[in-house]
PDB file of N, CA and C in Angstrom:
ATOM      1  N   UNK A   1     -12.484 -10.445  18.012  1.00  0.00           N
ATOM      2  CA  UNK A   1     -11.876  -9.990  19.254  1.00  0.00           C
ATOM      3  C   UNK A   1     -12.318 -10.863  20.427  1.00  0.00           C
ATOM      4  N   UNK A   2     -13.307 -11.707  20.187  1.00  0.00           N
ATOM      5  CA  UNK A   2     -13.790 -12.585  21.249  1.00  0.00           C
ATOM      6  C   UNK A   2     -12.659 -13.453  21.800  1.00  0.00           C
ATOM      7  N   UNK A   3     -11.808 -13.967  20.916  1.00  0.00           N
ATOM      8  CA  UNK A   3     -10.688 -14.784  21.373  1.00  0.00           C
ATOM      9  C   UNK A   3      -9.748 -13.978  22.252  1.00  0.00           C
ATOM     10  N   UNK A   4      -9.550 -12.700  21.912  1.00  0.00           N
ATOM     11  CA  UNK A   4      -8.698 -11.862  22.750  1.00  0.00           C
ATOM     12  C   UNK A   4      -9.315 -11.702  24.127  1.00  0.00           C
ATOM     13  N   UNK A   5     -10.618 -11.515  24.191  1.00  0.00           N
ATOM     14  CA  UNK A   5     -11.285 -11.342  25.485  1.00  0.00           C
ATOM     15  C   UNK A   5     -11.066 -12.560  26.377  1.00  0.00           C
ATOM     16  N   UNK A   6     -11.182 -13.749  25.809  1.00  0.00           N
ATOM     17  CA  UNK A   6     -10.926 -14.973  26.577  1.00  0.00           C
ATOM     18  C   UNK A   6      -9.478 -15.034  27.037  1.00  0.00           C
ATOM     19  N   UNK A   7      -8.568 -14.752  26.118  1.00  0.00           N
ATOM     20  CA  UNK A   7      -7.147 -14.749  26.451  1.00  0.00           C
ATOM     21  C   UNK A   7      -6.854 -13.737  27.549  1.00  0.00           C
ATOM     22  N   UNK A   8      -7.430 -12.550  27.415  1.00  0.00           N
ATOM     23  CA  UNK A   8      -7.145 -11.474  28.358  1.00  0.00           C
ATOM     24  C   UNK A   8      -7.678 -11.798  29.754  1.00  0.00           C
ATOM     25  N   UNK A   9      -8.822 -12.433  29.838  1.00  0.00           N
ATOM     26  CA  UNK A   9      -9.351 -12.821  31.148  1.00  0.00           C
ATOM     27  C   UNK A   9      -8.413 -13.817  31.830  1.00  0.00           C
ATOM     28  N   UNK A  10      -7.859 -14.746  31.068  1.00  0.00           N
ATOM     29  CA  UNK A  10      -6.900 -15.705  31.629  1.00  0.00           C
ATOM     30  C   UNK A  10      -5.607 -14.999  32.029  1.00  0.00           C
ATOM     31  N   UNK A  11      -5.200 -14.022  31.230  1.00  0.00           N
ATOM     32  CA  UNK A  11      -4.002 -13.247  31.550  1.00  0.00           C
ATOM     33  C   UNK A  11      -4.193 -12.487  32.861  1.00  0.00           C
ATOM     34  N   UNK A  12      -5.364 -11.870  33.049  1.00  0.00           N
ATOM     35  CA  UNK A  12      -5.648 -11.145  34.291  1.00  0.00           C
ATOM     36  C   UNK A  12      -5.621 -12.086  35.492  1.00  0.00           C
ATOM     37  N   UNK A  13      -6.160 -13.269  35.311  1.00  0.00           N
ATOM     38  CA  UNK A  13      -6.139 -14.272  36.377  1.00  0.00           C
ATOM     39  C   UNK A  13      -4.701 -14.653  36.716  1.00  0.00           C
ATOM     40  N   UNK A  14      -3.885 -14.835  35.685  1.00  0.00           N
ATOM     41  CA  UNK A  14      -2.472 -15.152  35.883  1.00  0.00           C
ATOM     42  C   UNK A  14      -1.765 -14.041  36.661  1.00  0.00           C
ATOM     43  N   UNK A  15      -2.001 -12.791  36.271  1.00  0.00           N
ATOM     44  CA  UNK A  15      -1.383 -11.667  36.977  1.00  0.00           C
ATOM     45  C   UNK A  15      -1.770 -11.666  38.450  1.00  0.00           C
ATOM     46  N   UNK A  16      -3.058 -11.845  38.723  1.00  0.00           N
ATOM     47  CA  UNK A  16      -3.535 -11.861  40.114  1.00  0.00           C
ATOM     48  C   UNK A  16      -2.888 -12.997  40.895  1.00  0.00           C
ATOM     49  N   UNK A  17      -2.830 -14.182  40.284  1.00  0.00           N
ATOM     50  CA  UNK A  17      -2.242 -15.342  40.955  1.00  0.00           C
ATOM     51  C   UNK A  17      -0.774 -15.124  41.292  1.00  0.00           C
ATOM     52  N   UNK A  18      -0.089 -14.356  40.454  1.00  0.00           N
ATOM     53  CA  UNK A  18       1.338 -14.077  40.673  1.00  0.00           C
ATOM     54  C   UNK A  18       1.567 -12.834  41.528  1.00  0.00           C
ATOM     55  N   UNK A  19       0.489 -12.145  41.878  1.00  0.00           N
ATOM     56  CA  UNK A  19       0.614 -10.950  42.705  1.00  0.00           C
ATOM     57  C   UNK A  19       0.969  -9.696  41.931  1.00  0.00           C
ATOM     58  N   UNK A  20       0.788  -9.719  40.617  1.00  0.00           N
ATOM     59  CA  UNK A  20       1.083  -8.546  39.793  1.00  0.00           C
ATOM     60  C   UNK A  20      -0.186  -7.745  39.535  1.00  0.00           C
ATOM     61  N   UNK A  21      -0.003  -6.488  39.194  1.00  0.00           N
ATOM     62  CA  UNK A  21      -1.126  -5.622  38.867  1.00  0.00           C
ATOM     63  C   UNK A  21      -1.248  -5.473  37.354  1.00  0.00           C
ATOM     64  N   UNK A  22      -2.451  -5.180  36.921  1.00  0.00           N
ATOM     65  CA  UNK A  22      -2.700  -4.914  35.511  1.00  0.00           C
ATOM     66  C   UNK A  22      -2.528  -3.420  35.247  1.00  0.00           C
ATOM     67  N   UNK A  23      -2.333  -3.080  33.985  1.00  0.00           N
ATOM     68  CA  UNK A  23      -2.257  -1.670  33.593  1.00  0.00           C
ATOM     69  C   UNK A  23      -2.809  -1.529  32.177  1.00  0.00           C
ATOM     70  N   UNK A  24      -3.185  -0.318  31.838  1.00  0.00           N
ATOM     71  CA  UNK A  24      -3.669  -0.048  30.479  1.00  0.00           C
ATOM     72  C   UNK A  24      -2.573  -0.345  29.464  1.00  0.00           C
ATOM     73  N   UNK A  25      -1.328  -0.047  29.821  1.00  0.00           N
ATOM     74  CA  UNK A  25      -0.211  -0.303  28.904  1.00  0.00           C
ATOM     75  C   UNK A  25      -0.091  -1.791  28.593  1.00  0.00           C
ATOM     76  N   UNK A  26      -0.205  -2.644  29.615  1.00  0.00           N
ATOM     77  CA  UNK A  26      -0.123  -4.087  29.384  1.00  0.00           C
ATOM     78  C   UNK A  26      -1.239  -4.549  28.457  1.00  0.00           C
ATOM     79  N   UNK A  27      -2.444  -4.055  28.692  1.00  0.00           N
ATOM     80  CA  UNK A  27      -3.573  -4.447  27.855  1.00  0.00           C
ATOM     81  C   UNK A  27      -3.356  -4.007  26.406  1.00  0.00           C
ATOM     82  N   UNK A  28      -2.876  -2.798  26.205  1.00  0.00           N
ATOM     83  CA  UNK A  28      -2.661  -2.294  24.849  1.00  0.00           C
ATOM     84  C   UNK A  28      -1.565  -3.072  24.135  1.00  0.00           C
ATOM     85  N   UNK A  29      -0.494  -3.379  24.832  1.00  0.00           N
ATOM     86  CA  UNK A  29       0.591  -4.168  24.241  1.00  0.00           C
ATOM     87  C   UNK A  29       0.066  -5.539  23.837  1.00  0.00           C
ATOM     88  N   UNK A  30      -0.693  -6.170  24.716  1.00  0.00           N
ATOM     89  CA  UNK A  30      -1.252  -7.485  24.392  1.00  0.00           C
ATOM     90  C   UNK A  30      -2.192  -7.428  23.193  1.00  0.00           C
ATOM     91  N   UNK A  31      -3.007  -6.383  23.100  1.00  0.00           N
ATOM     92  CA  UNK A  31      -3.915  -6.245  21.953  1.00  0.00           C
ATOM     93  C   UNK A  31      -3.133  -6.145  20.649  1.00  0.00           C
ATOM     94  N   UNK A  32      -2.054  -5.373  20.672  1.00  0.00           N
ATOM     95  CA  UNK A  32      -1.216  -5.225  19.475  1.00  0.00           C
ATOM     96  C   UNK A  32      -0.594  -6.565  19.102  1.00  0.00           C
ATOM     97  N   UNK A  33      -0.026  -7.257  20.073  1.00  0.00           N
ATOM     98  CA  UNK A  33       0.618  -8.536  19.796  1.00  0.00           C
ATOM     99  C   UNK A  33      -0.392  -9.584  19.349  1.00  0.00           C
ATOM    100  N   UNK A  34      -1.542  -9.620  19.989  1.00  0.00           N
ATOM    101  CA  UNK A  34      -2.563 -10.613  19.673  1.00  0.00           C
ATOM    102  C   UNK A  34      -3.110 -10.429  18.261  1.00  0.00           C
ATOM    103  N   UNK A  35      -3.207  -9.192  17.823  1.00  0.00           N
ATOM    104  CA  UNK A  35      -3.795  -8.919  16.504  1.00  0.00           C
ATOM    105  C   UNK A  35      -2.789  -9.005  15.360  1.00  0.00           C
ATOM    106  N   UNK A  36      -1.518  -9.171  15.680  1.00  0.00           N
ATOM    107  CA  UNK A  36      -0.491  -9.207  14.643  1.00  0.00           C
ATOM    108  C   UNK A  36      -0.251 -10.635  14.154  1.00  0.00           C
ATOM    109  N   UNK A  37      -0.018 -10.760  12.871  1.00  0.00           N
ATOM    110  CA  UNK A  37       0.307 -12.060  12.284  1.00  0.00           C
ATOM    111  C   UNK A  37       1.808 -12.268  12.145  1.00  0.00           C
ATOM    112  N   UNK A  38       2.585 -11.310  12.631  1.00  0.00           N
ATOM    113  CA  UNK A  38       4.038 -11.389  12.484  1.00  0.00           C
ATOM    114  C   UNK A  38       4.724 -10.996  13.785  1.00  0.00           C
ATOM    115  N   UNK A  39       6.000 -11.314  13.859  1.00  0.00           N
ATOM    116  CA  UNK A  39       6.803 -10.901  15.002  1.00  0.00           C
ATOM    117  C   UNK A  39       7.017  -9.393  14.920  1.00  0.00           C
ATOM    118  N   UNK A  40       6.818  -8.703  16.033  1.00  0.00           N
ATOM    119  CA  UNK A  40       6.997  -7.251  16.062  1.00  0.00           C
ATOM    120  C   UNK A  40       8.147  -6.884  16.988  1.00  0.00           C
ATOM    121  N   UNK A  41       8.938  -5.919  16.562  1.00  0.00           N
ATOM    122  CA  UNK A  41       9.984  -5.388  17.428  1.00  0.00           C
ATOM    123  C   UNK A  41       9.340  -4.437  18.430  1.00  0.00           C
ATOM    124  N   UNK A  42      10.073  -4.089  19.460  1.00  0.00           N
ATOM    125  CA  UNK A  42       9.567  -3.136  20.448  1.00  0.00           C
ATOM    126  C   UNK A  42       9.238  -1.800  19.785  1.00  0.00           C
ATOM    127  N   UNK A  43      10.054  -1.392  18.836  1.00  0.00           N
ATOM    128  CA  UNK A  43       9.802  -0.132  18.122  1.00  0.00           C
ATOM    129  C   UNK A  43       8.510  -0.195  17.317  1.00  0.00           C
ATOM    130  N   UNK A  44       8.251  -1.334  16.692  1.00  0.00           N
ATOM    131  CA  UNK A  44       7.011  -1.493  15.928  1.00  0.00           C
ATOM    132  C   UNK A  44       5.791  -1.478  16.854  1.00  0.00           C
ATOM    133  N   UNK A  45       5.919  -2.108  18.003  1.00  0.00           N
ATOM    134  CA  UNK A  45       4.831  -2.101  18.984  1.00  0.00           C
ATOM    135  C   UNK A  45       4.571  -0.677  19.440  1.00  0.00           C
ATOM    136  N   UNK A  46       5.635   0.051  19.732  1.00  0.00           N
ATOM    137  CA  UNK A  46       5.505   1.447  20.169  1.00  0.00           C
ATOM    138  C   UNK A  46       4.779   2.281  19.114  1.00  0.00           C
ATOM    139  N   UNK A  47       5.156   2.117  17.858  1.00  0.00           N
ATOM    140  CA  UNK A  47       4.536   2.868  16.764  1.00  0.00           C
ATOM    141  C   UNK A  47       3.054   2.528  16.635  1.00  0.00           C
ATOM    142  N   UNK A  48       2.717   1.254  16.730  1.00  0.00           N
ATOM    143  CA  UNK A  48       1.312   0.846  16.601  1.00  0.00           C
ATOM    144  C   UNK A  48       0.472   1.335  17.778  1.00  0.00           C
ATOM    145  N   UNK A  49       1.036   1.326  18.974  1.00  0.00           N
ATOM    146  CA  UNK A  49       0.301   1.830  20.140  1.00  0.00           C
ATOM    147  C   UNK A  49       0.044   3.317  19.988  1.00  0.00           C
ATOM    148  N   UNK A  50       1.054   4.026  19.512  1.00  0.00           N
ATOM    149  CA  UNK A  50       0.879   5.470  19.308  1.00  0.00           C
ATOM    150  C   UNK A  50      -0.205   5.730  18.263  1.00  0.00           C
ATOM    151  N   UNK A  51      -0.240   4.930  17.223  1.00  0.00           N
ATOM    152  CA  UNK A  51      -1.215   5.102  16.147  1.00  0.00           C
ATOM    153  C   UNK A  51      -2.630   4.696  16.578  1.00  0.00           C
ATOM    154  N   UNK A  52      -2.754   3.540  17.211  1.00  0.00           N
ATOM    155  CA  UNK A  52      -4.078   3.001  17.534  1.00  0.00           C
ATOM    156  C   UNK A  52      -4.674   3.551  18.824  1.00  0.00           C
ATOM    157  N   UNK A  53      -3.826   3.842  19.806  1.00  0.00           N
ATOM    158  CA  UNK A  53      -4.332   4.247  21.120  1.00  0.00           C
ATOM    159  C   UNK A  53      -3.979   5.685  21.486  1.00  0.00           C
ATOM    160  N   UNK A  54      -3.268   6.363  20.584  1.00  0.00           N
ATOM    161  CA  UNK A  54      -2.859   7.763  20.837  1.00  0.00           C
ATOM    162  C   UNK A  54      -2.116   7.896  22.168  1.00  0.00           C
ATOM    163  N   UNK A  55      -1.244   6.924  22.410  1.00  0.00           N
ATOM    164  CA  UNK A  55      -0.489   6.885  23.656  1.00  0.00           C
ATOM    165  C   UNK A  55       0.986   6.729  23.327  1.00  0.00           C
ATOM    166  N   UNK A  56       1.824   7.439  24.034  1.00  0.00           N
ATOM    167  CA  UNK A  56       3.258   7.385  23.791  1.00  0.00           C
ATOM    168  C   UNK A  56       3.933   6.607  24.918  1.00  0.00           C
ATOM    169  N   UNK A  57       4.143   5.310  24.701  1.00  0.00           N
ATOM    170  CA  UNK A  57       4.840   4.479  25.680  1.00  0.00           C
ATOM    171  C   UNK A  57       6.333   4.511  25.408  1.00  0.00           C
ATOM    172  N   UNK A  58       7.106   4.375  26.455  1.00  0.00           N
ATOM    173  CA  UNK A  58       8.553   4.276  26.278  1.00  0.00           C
ATOM    174  C   UNK A  58       8.902   2.844  25.863  1.00  0.00           C
ATOM    175  N   UNK A  59      10.048   2.693  25.248  1.00  0.00           N
ATOM    176  CA  UNK A  59      10.500   1.346  24.893  1.00  0.00           C
ATOM    177  C   UNK A  59      10.710   0.514  26.152  1.00  0.00           C
ATOM    178  N   UNK A  60      11.117   1.147  27.228  1.00  0.00           N
ATOM    179  CA  UNK A  60      11.306   0.446  28.499  1.00  0.00           C
ATOM    180  C   UNK A  60       9.992  -0.175  28.963  1.00  0.00           C
ATOM    181  N   UNK A  61       8.900   0.543  28.831  1.00  0.00           N
ATOM    182  CA  UNK A  61       7.586   0.015  29.231  1.00  0.00           C
ATOM    183  C   UNK A  61       7.198  -1.184  28.375  1.00  0.00           C
ATOM    184  N   UNK A  62       7.596  -1.170  27.131  1.00  0.00           N
ATOM    185  CA  UNK A  62       7.256  -2.269  26.230  1.00  0.00           C
ATOM    186  C   UNK A  62       8.096  -3.499  26.540  1.00  0.00           C
ATOM    187  N   UNK A  63       9.378  -3.289  26.833  1.00  0.00           N
ATOM    188  CA  UNK A  63      10.222  -4.422  27.206  1.00  0.00           C
ATOM    189  C   UNK A  63       9.766  -4.987  28.522  1.00  0.00           C
TER     190      UNK A  63
END
């Protein structure tokens, strides 16, 4: 997960530089995508977030 931490710190810097805010949803989506070895659909991301983080995100939030 060390590589994710480095990636995530750069992502946070990018968000700040662009004037965007971070959210728990963004972090969770990135963790799911970063840990996957395959392309995931929005529905698959939603299912994994619900399973791993016990959170119910809308597909709109994922897109």
